[in-house]
Structures are given as C-alpha cells and as structure tokens.
Amino acid sequence: MAAVDALIRRRLASDVVLVNQVAEYIVGAGGKRLRPMLLLLAAGALGHRGPDAHQLAAVVEFIHTATLLHDDVVDESDLRRGRKTANAVWGNAASVLVGDFLYSRGFQLMVELDRMEVMKILADTTNQIAEGEVLQLLHVRNPDTDEAAYLRVIERKTAVLFAAATRLGALLSGADAATQQRLHDCGLNLGYAFQIADDVLDYASDAQTLGKNLGDDLAEGKATLPLIHAIAHSDDVTRARLRAAVEHGDTDAMPEVMAAIHATGGLEYSRKRAHDYANAAEAALDGLEENDYTAALRGLAHYAVSRDH
C-alpha cells in the first residue's frame, strides 16, 4: 500500500497548479484505500506481487476518487472524511474538471500496461458507475424506491468497482476464468455489504465519527435501506409522513424518521442484509489456498459490516 500511495502521488503531478491542489487535497485526505487494497490482496492470495499490481491499484483509486469529486458536486455535499469537500473549498467547476483529470489519468496508467482484458474490465466498470450515478439521480426524492431498486443503484455505484478490483487481482495472477469469477463475486458481495453498512451509519452514527453530516441521505432525498424498510412496514399515517420526508428532503422530520426506523427494526434488518452479503463474500473464497492474503480478505468482509465510519 505504501508503494501504491507513492505511485499515486507521483502520477498525480500536473503542470496546472489547481489540478495539483485539488487532487492532492482529496487523495491526501486519506480514506480507507479499500479498493486498491482489495486488488493487492486478491493478487497476493493467488501468488502474484509486483509493480503491475501497484499500478492497477492506483488506477482503481483514481477512478474512485474521481467519482467522489463528482458525487459531492451532484449531492451538494460540504463535508467528507471530517473536512470540507473540494467543491466547498474550490467550487463545483474545479471539482468536476479535476475529477475528469483523475479519470483520464487513471486511464493513462491503465493503457501503459497494454493488456486489452484489463482495459475492457475497467472501461466497462467505469461506464457502469456512471450509469449508477444517473440511476440514483432518478430515485432522488422518490418515496416509491424499493429494496430491489436500491440494490440496483448500489451495485453500479459501489459494488462493481470492488468486483473489478478483486477480478483484476486474479487476472494479474494468471488465474483461470472460474477463479477470476470467484474473486469477482467476493468483491461484488463485499461492495454490497460495505454500502449497506455505510447507509446504516447515516442513521446510527454521529457526525464526528462518521466524518460527514448525519442525515445527509435524507437531506438529499435518498431513500436508503433502513428508511425503505421503515416505509414498507409502517402504518398508513407514519408511511405518509416518511414519504413526505423523502419527497421534500426534510431533515426536520429526522426524529420521526428515526423513530419509525427503530420501531420497524430498519437498522437491524439492514445490518442483517449487510452481514448476508459479507458472508457471501467470504464463501466465494472457499477452496482458495489459505494464506495471509485470503485471511485479510476474510477480515475485510467482517470489517465492512462492523466499522463505525
């Protein structure tokens, strides 16, 4: 991971000062680096190490970071990882354009490896992420969003990049198609688990621990799984109030929303769904050689659903 971070900082460099400032601000914010870590662990689990894995891990992180910059503009967010978002500091235009720079810099790194299969996976994945963003936009302030629609959004927004990371690690190791698919399934399920757990934290954590404003999802009119469950299992009067809160992004209704989520077991249900996906991620690893890397992948499945931020 130190080698990946060094590579990221080397390849961030631009002769345009503002690009350097914004890119360093968001990449330097830290974050969990889960996606590049998954790629390195998947490759290591199958016996592969080397600079090509570091380079692809950096590509995955560039793509992810670009989506964060664009996300914060779309969501009008002002806080991420406990500090002001790039758009809050430099404005929307700079954030969008530096996000474009990070996307294209990631693709420059990818092309240097000159492997068509790698390029196909990452091109398809990036396209799916963009579709996921648009799909989410269609569900903003839509109280009719059900669990199936929610899962379709988080698959494309989050899970597909996790899956690409683990599949690419397997591909670099020269694994056969079946093993690549198993690592893909591990990453995909881990992505589902991670995002559902993230959405639970928006109703179960606090702003200081979470690093962003609590209730952001409701303010943005996003019905995530805890609230979707509450809407589906509340009485008619409560359901009408919850639907109105989603339609208007009404954070003043947060106490009522929280009460309904607790009354219907929305957090417990969502946590169980996250654990189910984490267990599926672990099960996908069954049959692989047990080593430090596979153990770490299993550990990440547990971390995804037990973290507090």
Protein backbone atom coordinates (compact mmCIF):
# COMPACT_ATOMS: atom_id res chain seq x y z
CA MET A 1 0.00 0.00 0.00
CA ALA A 2 2.95 2.35 0.65
CA ALA A 3 4.17 1.62 -2.89
CA VAL A 4 0.67 2.34 -4.26
CA ASP A 5 0.47 5.63 -2.35
CA ALA A 6 3.90 6.68 -3.64
CA LEU A 7 2.83 5.83 -7.20
CA ILE A 8 -0.44 7.78 -6.78
CA ARG A 9 1.41 10.89 -5.65
CA ARG A 10 3.99 10.60 -8.43
CA ARG A 11 1.34 10.27 -11.12
CA LEU A 12 -0.93 12.99 -9.73
CA ALA A 13 1.59 15.61 -10.82
CA SER A 14 0.40 18.19 -13.33
CA ASP A 15 1.87 21.48 -14.53
CA VAL A 16 -1.54 23.03 -13.81
CA VAL A 17 -1.34 24.25 -10.21
CA LEU A 18 -5.07 23.98 -9.44
CA VAL A 19 -5.11 20.33 -10.57
CA ASN A 20 -2.30 19.58 -8.11
CA GLN A 21 -4.03 21.42 -5.29
CA VAL A 22 -7.45 19.81 -5.65
CA ALA A 23 -6.16 16.31 -6.46
CA GLU A 24 -3.71 16.33 -3.53
CA TYR A 25 -6.44 17.68 -1.24
CA ILE A 26 -8.81 14.79 -1.89
CA VAL A 27 -6.25 11.98 -2.32
CA GLY A 28 -4.26 13.26 0.66
CA ALA A 29 -7.41 13.18 2.82
CA GLY A 30 -6.60 9.54 3.46
CA GLY A 31 -9.68 7.40 3.30
CA LYS A 32 -9.67 3.65 3.68
CA ARG A 33 -7.99 2.81 0.34
CA LEU A 34 -10.17 -0.31 0.36
CA ARG A 35 -10.43 -0.74 -3.40
CA PRO A 36 -6.69 -0.72 -4.18
CA MET A 37 -6.15 -2.89 -1.11
CA LEU A 38 -8.63 -5.44 -2.46
CA LEU A 39 -6.73 -5.64 -5.73
CA LEU A 40 -3.40 -6.25 -3.98
CA LEU A 41 -4.93 -8.83 -1.65
CA ALA A 42 -6.66 -10.73 -4.47
CA ALA A 43 -3.41 -10.82 -6.46
CA GLY A 44 -1.43 -11.87 -3.38
CA ALA A 45 -3.92 -14.57 -2.45
CA LEU A 46 -3.16 -16.20 -5.81
CA GLY A 47 0.60 -15.72 -5.55
CA HIS A 48 1.14 -12.55 -7.61
CA ARG A 49 3.06 -9.48 -6.45
CA GLY A 50 4.71 -6.73 -8.41
CA PRO A 51 4.63 -3.23 -9.88
CA ASP A 52 1.80 -4.03 -12.32
CA ALA A 53 -0.45 -4.71 -9.31
CA HIS A 54 0.61 -1.39 -7.75
CA GLN A 55 -0.17 0.44 -10.98
CA LEU A 56 -3.62 -1.13 -11.37
CA ALA A 57 -4.38 -0.46 -7.70
CA ALA A 58 -3.56 3.20 -8.33
CA VAL A 59 -5.89 3.20 -11.36
CA VAL A 60 -8.74 1.86 -9.22
CA GLU A 61 -8.11 4.56 -6.60
CA PHE A 62 -8.01 7.31 -9.26
CA ILE A 63 -11.36 6.15 -10.65
CA HIS A 64 -12.87 6.02 -7.15
CA THR A 65 -11.52 9.46 -6.23
CA ALA A 66 -12.90 10.95 -9.44
CA THR A 67 -16.35 9.61 -8.54
CA LEU A 68 -16.07 11.20 -5.07
CA LEU A 69 -15.34 14.62 -6.56
CA HIS A 70 -18.29 14.34 -8.93
CA ASP A 71 -20.56 12.83 -6.24
CA ASP A 72 -20.01 15.73 -3.86
CA VAL A 73 -20.96 18.20 -6.58
CA VAL A 74 -24.12 16.29 -7.52
CA ASP A 75 -25.09 15.81 -3.86
CA GLU A 76 -24.11 19.39 -2.91
CA SER A 77 -22.11 17.91 -0.02
CA ASP A 78 -19.90 20.14 2.11
CA LEU A 79 -18.27 17.56 4.39
CA ARG A 80 -16.34 14.35 3.65
CA ARG A 81 -13.88 12.44 5.85
CA GLY A 82 -14.31 15.06 8.54
CA ARG A 83 -13.33 18.10 6.49
CA LYS A 84 -14.73 20.39 3.80
CA THR A 85 -15.31 18.81 0.39
CA ALA A 86 -13.26 20.03 -2.57
CA ASN A 87 -16.34 21.70 -4.08
CA ALA A 88 -16.91 23.59 -0.82
CA VAL A 89 -13.31 24.90 -0.99
CA TRP A 90 -12.74 25.48 -4.75
CA GLY A 91 -16.27 25.39 -6.20
CA ASN A 92 -18.16 22.97 -8.42
CA ALA A 93 -16.37 23.75 -11.68
CA ALA A 94 -12.90 22.94 -10.33
CA SER A 95 -14.17 19.74 -8.68
CA VAL A 96 -15.82 18.43 -11.84
CA LEU A 97 -12.83 19.23 -14.03
CA VAL A 98 -10.25 17.76 -11.64
CA GLY A 99 -12.48 14.69 -11.39
CA ASP A 100 -12.21 14.44 -15.19
CA PHE A 101 -8.43 14.78 -14.87
CA LEU A 102 -8.31 11.90 -12.37
CA TYR A 103 -10.47 9.67 -14.59
CA SER A 104 -8.26 10.30 -17.60
CA ARG A 105 -5.02 9.97 -15.62
CA GLY A 106 -6.29 6.59 -14.40
CA PHE A 107 -6.87 5.53 -17.99
CA GLN A 108 -3.38 6.69 -18.99
CA LEU A 109 -1.92 4.42 -16.29
CA MET A 110 -4.15 1.56 -17.40
CA VAL A 111 -3.14 1.84 -21.06
CA GLU A 112 0.55 1.74 -20.12
CA LEU A 113 0.06 -1.90 -19.07
CA ASP A 114 -1.12 -2.66 -22.62
CA ARG A 115 -3.49 -5.50 -21.70
CA MET A 116 -6.79 -5.47 -23.55
CA GLU A 117 -8.59 -7.59 -20.95
CA VAL A 118 -7.62 -5.14 -18.19
CA MET A 119 -8.81 -2.19 -20.27
CA LYS A 120 -12.12 -3.89 -21.03
CA ILE A 121 -12.84 -4.61 -17.34
CA LEU A 122 -12.05 -1.05 -16.27
CA ALA A 123 -13.84 0.61 -19.20
CA ASP A 124 -16.98 -1.46 -18.56
CA THR A 125 -16.79 -0.80 -14.82
CA THR A 126 -16.39 2.96 -15.22
CA ASN A 127 -19.37 3.02 -17.57
CA GLN A 128 -21.48 1.08 -15.06
CA ILE A 129 -20.52 3.50 -12.29
CA ALA A 130 -21.70 6.41 -14.44
CA GLU A 131 -24.98 4.56 -15.10
CA GLY A 132 -25.34 4.00 -11.34
CA GLU A 133 -24.97 7.72 -10.67
CA VAL A 134 -27.70 8.54 -13.19
CA LEU A 135 -29.89 5.73 -11.83
CA GLN A 136 -29.53 7.17 -8.33
CA LEU A 137 -30.49 10.59 -9.67
CA LEU A 138 -33.75 9.09 -10.97
CA HIS A 139 -34.57 7.87 -7.45
CA VAL A 140 -33.83 11.13 -5.64
CA ARG A 141 -36.93 12.32 -3.75
CA ASN A 142 -38.74 9.17 -4.89
CA PRO A 143 -40.52 7.52 -1.92
CA ASP A 144 -41.50 4.57 -4.13
CA THR A 145 -37.88 3.38 -4.29
CA ASP A 146 -37.98 -0.23 -3.12
CA GLU A 147 -35.23 -2.58 -1.99
CA ALA A 148 -34.67 -4.04 -5.47
CA ALA A 149 -34.23 -0.56 -6.98
CA TYR A 150 -31.90 0.44 -4.13
CA LEU A 151 -29.76 -2.66 -4.70
CA ARG A 152 -29.53 -1.90 -8.44
CA VAL A 153 -28.14 1.54 -7.62
CA ILE A 154 -25.55 0.39 -5.08
CA GLU A 155 -24.43 -2.46 -7.34
CA ARG A 156 -23.37 0.03 -10.00
CA LYS A 157 -22.34 2.88 -7.74
CA THR A 158 -20.21 0.85 -5.34
CA ALA A 159 -20.10 -2.91 -5.76
CA VAL A 160 -18.88 -3.08 -9.38
CA LEU A 161 -15.61 -1.26 -8.57
CA PHE A 162 -14.98 -3.62 -5.64
CA ALA A 163 -15.62 -6.53 -8.04
CA ALA A 164 -13.32 -5.08 -10.69
CA ALA A 165 -10.53 -4.70 -8.12
CA THR A 166 -10.67 -8.33 -6.99
CA ARG A 167 -11.13 -9.66 -10.53
CA LEU A 168 -8.13 -7.66 -11.77
CA GLY A 169 -6.00 -9.05 -8.95
CA ALA A 170 -6.97 -12.56 -10.06
CA LEU A 171 -6.35 -11.70 -13.72
CA LEU A 172 -2.83 -10.44 -12.98
CA SER A 173 -2.04 -13.73 -11.24
CA GLY A 174 -2.94 -15.69 -14.37
CA ALA A 175 -5.92 -17.38 -12.66
CA ASP A 176 -8.40 -19.33 -14.76
CA ALA A 177 -11.84 -17.92 -15.63
CA ALA A 178 -13.59 -19.75 -12.77
CA THR A 179 -11.16 -18.36 -10.16
CA GLN A 180 -11.45 -14.87 -11.62
CA GLN A 181 -15.23 -15.18 -11.30
CA ARG A 182 -14.96 -16.26 -7.66
CA LEU A 183 -12.79 -13.26 -6.83
CA HIS A 184 -15.24 -11.04 -8.74
CA ASP A 185 -18.11 -12.48 -6.67
CA CYS A 186 -16.15 -11.88 -3.48
CA GLY A 187 -15.62 -8.22 -4.40
CA LEU A 188 -19.19 -7.68 -5.57
CA ASN A 189 -20.70 -9.05 -2.36
CA LEU A 190 -18.21 -7.11 -0.27
CA GLY A 191 -19.25 -3.94 -2.11
CA TYR A 192 -22.91 -4.56 -1.32
CA ALA A 193 -22.07 -5.22 2.34
CA PHE A 194 -19.91 -2.10 2.56
CA GLN A 195 -22.51 0.25 1.05
CA ILE A 196 -25.44 -1.07 3.08
CA ALA A 197 -23.35 -0.73 6.26
CA ASP A 198 -22.46 2.81 5.15
CA ASP A 199 -26.12 3.66 4.73
CA VAL A 200 -26.90 2.26 8.19
CA LEU A 201 -24.26 4.57 9.69
CA ASP A 202 -26.10 7.60 8.30
CA TYR A 203 -28.86 6.79 10.79
CA ALA A 204 -26.82 5.15 13.56
CA SER A 205 -23.57 7.10 13.98
CA ASP A 206 -22.65 10.71 14.75
CA ALA A 207 -21.14 13.37 12.50
CA GLN A 208 -17.74 13.43 14.24
CA THR A 209 -17.25 9.67 13.98
CA LEU A 210 -18.78 9.40 10.53
CA GLY A 211 -16.78 12.28 9.04
CA LYS A 212 -19.82 13.69 7.25
CA ASN A 213 -23.14 15.23 8.28
CA LEU A 214 -25.59 12.78 9.81
CA GLY A 215 -28.85 12.64 7.88
CA ASP A 216 -27.20 13.64 4.60
CA ASP A 217 -29.06 10.88 2.74
CA LEU A 218 -32.44 12.17 3.91
CA ALA A 219 -31.46 15.78 3.14
CA GLU A 220 -30.60 14.69 -0.42
CA GLY A 221 -33.93 12.85 -0.74
CA LYS A 222 -32.25 9.43 -0.92
CA ALA A 223 -34.25 6.52 0.43
CA THR A 224 -31.65 4.01 1.63
CA LEU A 225 -32.38 0.57 3.05
CA PRO A 226 -33.20 1.48 6.69
CA LEU A 227 -35.77 4.03 5.51
CA ILE A 228 -37.08 1.84 2.67
CA HIS A 229 -37.73 -0.90 5.25
CA ALA A 230 -39.47 1.57 7.57
CA ILE A 231 -41.74 2.87 4.79
CA ALA A 232 -42.71 -0.68 3.83
CA HIS A 233 -43.51 -1.74 7.41
CA SER A 234 -45.11 1.33 8.99
CA ASP A 235 -48.80 2.11 9.48
CA ASP A 236 -50.50 4.32 6.91
CA VAL A 237 -50.14 7.58 8.83
CA THR A 238 -46.44 7.07 9.54
CA ARG A 239 -45.83 5.87 5.99
CA ALA A 240 -47.35 9.09 4.61
CA ARG A 241 -45.04 11.19 6.83
CA LEU A 242 -41.96 9.20 5.81
CA ARG A 243 -42.86 9.51 2.13
CA ALA A 244 -43.24 13.27 2.53
CA ALA A 245 -39.83 13.47 4.26
CA VAL A 246 -38.20 11.75 1.28
CA GLU A 247 -40.07 13.86 -1.28
CA HIS A 248 -39.01 17.13 0.40
CA GLY A 249 -35.58 16.09 1.77
CA ASP A 250 -36.99 17.20 5.12
CA THR A 251 -34.29 16.86 7.79
CA ASP A 252 -36.67 18.46 10.32
CA ALA A 253 -38.54 15.14 10.15
CA MET A 254 -35.39 13.28 11.26
CA PRO A 255 -36.72 12.48 14.77
CA GLU A 256 -39.88 10.94 13.26
CA VAL A 257 -37.84 9.09 10.66
CA MET A 258 -35.51 7.72 13.33
CA ALA A 259 -38.46 6.66 15.48
CA ALA A 260 -40.04 4.81 12.55
CA ILE A 261 -36.77 3.12 11.60
CA HIS A 262 -36.32 1.92 15.18
CA ALA A 263 -39.97 0.86 15.52
CA THR A 264 -39.82 -1.27 12.37
CA GLY A 265 -36.37 -2.73 13.04
CA GLY A 266 -34.94 -0.98 9.97
CA LEU A 267 -31.38 -0.85 11.30
CA GLU A 268 -31.38 -4.49 12.41
CA TYR A 269 -32.83 -5.60 9.08
CA SER A 270 -30.26 -3.59 7.11
CA ARG A 271 -27.38 -4.86 9.24
CA LYS A 272 -28.55 -8.43 8.63
CA ARG A 273 -28.63 -7.83 4.88
CA ALA A 274 -25.09 -6.40 5.07
CA HIS A 275 -23.92 -9.45 7.05
CA ASP A 276 -25.54 -11.77 4.49
CA TYR A 277 -23.52 -10.13 1.72
CA ALA A 278 -20.34 -10.19 3.83
CA ASN A 279 -20.86 -13.92 4.41
CA ALA A 280 -21.35 -14.43 0.66
CA ALA A 281 -18.08 -12.56 0.02
CA GLU A 282 -16.30 -14.92 2.40
CA ALA A 283 -17.95 -18.02 0.92
CA ALA A 284 -16.63 -17.05 -2.53
CA LEU A 285 -13.11 -17.56 -1.18
CA ASP A 286 -13.74 -21.16 -0.09
CA GLY A 287 -11.40 -23.55 -1.85
CA LEU A 288 -8.63 -20.98 -2.40
CA GLU A 289 -5.28 -21.57 -0.73
CA GLU A 290 -5.44 -20.26 2.84
CA ASN A 291 -2.68 -17.70 3.35
CA ASP A 292 -2.24 -14.23 4.87
CA TYR A 293 -3.89 -12.63 1.85
CA THR A 294 -7.05 -14.75 1.87
CA ALA A 295 -7.23 -14.26 5.65
CA ALA A 296 -7.05 -10.49 5.11
CA LEU A 297 -9.85 -10.67 2.52
CA ARG A 298 -11.99 -12.53 5.04
CA GLY A 299 -11.09 -9.90 7.62
CA LEU A 300 -12.23 -7.14 5.28
CA ALA A 301 -15.61 -8.82 4.93
CA HIS A 302 -16.02 -8.56 8.71
CA TYR A 303 -14.64 -5.01 8.79
CA ALA A 304 -17.12 -3.86 6.13
CA VAL A 305 -20.07 -4.52 8.43
CA SER A 306 -18.55 -3.78 11.86
CA ARG A 307 -16.89 -0.39 11.28
CA ASP A 308 -18.16 2.87 12.79
CA HIS A 309 -17.17 5.21 9.94
